[in-house]
């Protein structure tokens, strides 16, 4: 199953979708007041997208 998903671009597709959702999530933070909470939420989005496992 792993080889099938990899060979057919599933991993790349999933990463691209995750990146797009992450960008939407960070854009949704725009109206919030600047501060450590907002920064932590943005960093959390990046962590989830970029984690290896």
N, C-alpha and C. Protein backbone atom coordinates (compact mmCIF):
# COMPACT_ATOMS: atom_id res chain seq x y z
N UNK A 1 0.83 -1.17 0.00
CA UNK A 1 0.00 0.00 0.00
C UNK A 1 0.89 1.26 0.00
N UNK A 2 1.93 1.23 0.82
CA UNK A 2 2.81 2.40 0.90
C UNK A 2 3.42 2.72 -0.47
N UNK A 3 3.90 1.68 -1.16
CA UNK A 3 4.52 1.89 -2.47
C UNK A 3 3.49 2.44 -3.46
N UNK A 4 2.27 1.93 -3.43
CA UNK A 4 1.23 2.40 -4.33
C UNK A 4 0.96 3.88 -4.12
N UNK A 5 0.81 4.27 -2.87
CA UNK A 5 0.52 5.67 -2.55
C UNK A 5 1.68 6.56 -2.99
N UNK A 6 2.89 6.14 -2.70
CA UNK A 6 4.07 6.92 -3.08
C UNK A 6 4.21 7.01 -4.59
N UNK A 7 4.06 5.88 -5.27
CA UNK A 7 4.23 5.84 -6.72
C UNK A 7 3.19 6.67 -7.46
N UNK A 8 2.04 6.85 -6.87
CA UNK A 8 0.97 7.59 -7.53
C UNK A 8 0.80 9.02 -7.01
N UNK A 9 1.80 9.50 -6.30
CA UNK A 9 1.81 10.90 -5.89
C UNK A 9 0.95 11.23 -4.68
N UNK A 10 0.51 10.22 -3.96
CA UNK A 10 -0.37 10.47 -2.82
C UNK A 10 0.29 11.27 -1.71
N UNK A 11 1.56 10.99 -1.45
CA UNK A 11 2.27 11.69 -0.38
C UNK A 11 2.43 13.16 -0.75
N UNK A 12 2.83 13.42 -1.98
CA UNK A 12 3.00 14.80 -2.42
C UNK A 12 1.66 15.55 -2.41
N UNK A 13 0.63 14.86 -2.84
CA UNK A 13 -0.71 15.47 -2.84
C UNK A 13 -1.14 15.82 -1.42
N UNK A 14 -0.96 14.88 -0.50
CA UNK A 14 -1.36 15.11 0.88
C UNK A 14 -0.58 16.27 1.49
N UNK A 15 0.72 16.34 1.19
CA UNK A 15 1.53 17.44 1.73
C UNK A 15 1.05 18.78 1.17
N UNK A 16 0.75 18.81 -0.13
CA UNK A 16 0.28 20.05 -0.74
C UNK A 16 -1.05 20.49 -0.13
N UNK A 17 -1.95 19.55 0.12
CA UNK A 17 -3.24 19.88 0.73
C UNK A 17 -3.02 20.39 2.16
N UNK A 18 -2.13 19.73 2.89
CA UNK A 18 -1.85 20.16 4.26
C UNK A 18 -1.28 21.57 4.27
N UNK A 19 -0.39 21.86 3.34
CA UNK A 19 0.21 23.19 3.24
C UNK A 19 -0.88 24.22 2.94
N UNK A 20 -1.79 23.90 2.03
CA UNK A 20 -2.87 24.83 1.67
C UNK A 20 -3.78 25.08 2.87
N UNK A 21 -4.15 24.02 3.57
CA UNK A 21 -4.99 24.20 4.77
C UNK A 21 -4.25 25.00 5.84
N UNK A 22 -2.95 24.77 5.96
CA UNK A 22 -2.16 25.53 6.92
C UNK A 22 -2.12 27.01 6.61
N UNK A 23 -1.98 27.32 5.33
CA UNK A 23 -1.98 28.73 4.92
C UNK A 23 -3.34 29.36 5.19
N UNK A 24 -4.40 28.61 4.96
CA UNK A 24 -5.74 29.13 5.28
C UNK A 24 -5.89 29.37 6.78
N UNK A 25 -5.36 28.46 7.56
CA UNK A 25 -5.45 28.60 9.02
C UNK A 25 -4.70 29.84 9.49
N UNK A 26 -3.50 30.03 8.95
CA UNK A 26 -2.73 31.21 9.34
C UNK A 26 -3.40 32.50 8.88
N UNK A 27 -4.02 32.48 7.71
CA UNK A 27 -4.74 33.66 7.23
C UNK A 27 -5.93 33.97 8.14
N UNK A 28 -6.56 32.94 8.66
CA UNK A 28 -7.70 33.13 9.56
C UNK A 28 -7.29 33.78 10.87
N UNK A 29 -6.00 33.73 11.19
CA UNK A 29 -5.51 34.38 12.41
C UNK A 29 -5.39 35.89 12.25
N UNK A 30 -5.49 36.38 11.02
CA UNK A 30 -5.31 37.80 10.74
C UNK A 30 -6.08 38.74 11.64
N UNK A 31 -7.37 38.52 11.86
CA UNK A 31 -8.14 39.46 12.68
C UNK A 31 -7.78 39.45 14.17
N UNK A 32 -7.08 38.43 14.62
CA UNK A 32 -6.74 38.37 16.05
C UNK A 32 -5.69 39.42 16.40
N UNK A 33 -5.75 39.88 17.63
CA UNK A 33 -4.77 40.84 18.11
C UNK A 33 -3.38 40.19 18.15
N UNK A 34 -2.37 40.96 17.78
CA UNK A 34 -1.00 40.45 17.84
C UNK A 34 -0.63 40.15 19.27
N UNK A 35 0.18 39.12 19.42
CA UNK A 35 0.62 38.75 20.76
C UNK A 35 1.14 37.32 20.76
N UNK A 36 1.60 36.88 21.91
CA UNK A 36 2.21 35.55 21.98
C UNK A 36 1.24 34.42 21.65
N UNK A 37 -0.04 34.59 21.97
CA UNK A 37 -1.01 33.54 21.66
C UNK A 37 -1.16 33.36 20.15
N UNK A 38 -1.26 34.46 19.44
CA UNK A 38 -1.38 34.41 17.98
C UNK A 38 -0.12 33.81 17.37
N UNK A 39 1.03 34.22 17.87
CA UNK A 39 2.29 33.68 17.37
C UNK A 39 2.39 32.18 17.62
N UNK A 40 1.95 31.73 18.78
CA UNK A 40 1.99 30.32 19.11
C UNK A 40 1.08 29.51 18.19
N UNK A 41 -0.08 30.04 17.87
CA UNK A 41 -0.98 29.36 16.95
C UNK A 41 -0.34 29.22 15.56
N UNK A 42 0.30 30.26 15.08
CA UNK A 42 0.95 30.22 13.77
C UNK A 42 2.11 29.21 13.78
N UNK A 43 2.87 29.20 14.85
CA UNK A 43 3.98 28.24 14.96
C UNK A 43 3.44 26.82 15.04
N UNK A 44 2.31 26.65 15.70
CA UNK A 44 1.70 25.32 15.81
C UNK A 44 1.29 24.79 14.43
N UNK A 45 0.77 25.66 13.60
CA UNK A 45 0.40 25.26 12.24
C UNK A 45 1.64 24.76 11.50
N UNK A 46 2.72 25.51 11.58
CA UNK A 46 3.95 25.11 10.89
C UNK A 46 4.49 23.79 11.44
N UNK A 47 4.42 23.62 12.75
CA UNK A 47 4.90 22.38 13.35
C UNK A 47 4.13 21.18 12.82
N UNK A 48 2.82 21.29 12.80
CA UNK A 48 1.99 20.17 12.36
C UNK A 48 2.27 19.83 10.90
N UNK A 49 2.44 20.83 10.07
CA UNK A 49 2.69 20.59 8.65
C UNK A 49 4.08 20.01 8.41
N UNK A 50 5.06 20.47 9.15
CA UNK A 50 6.44 20.10 8.88
C UNK A 50 6.98 18.94 9.69
N UNK A 51 6.18 18.39 10.60
CA UNK A 51 6.67 17.26 11.39
C UNK A 51 6.93 16.08 10.47
N UNK A 52 7.83 15.22 10.86
CA UNK A 52 8.25 14.12 9.99
C UNK A 52 7.35 12.90 10.08
N UNK A 53 6.71 12.68 11.20
CA UNK A 53 5.86 11.49 11.37
C UNK A 53 4.45 11.89 11.70
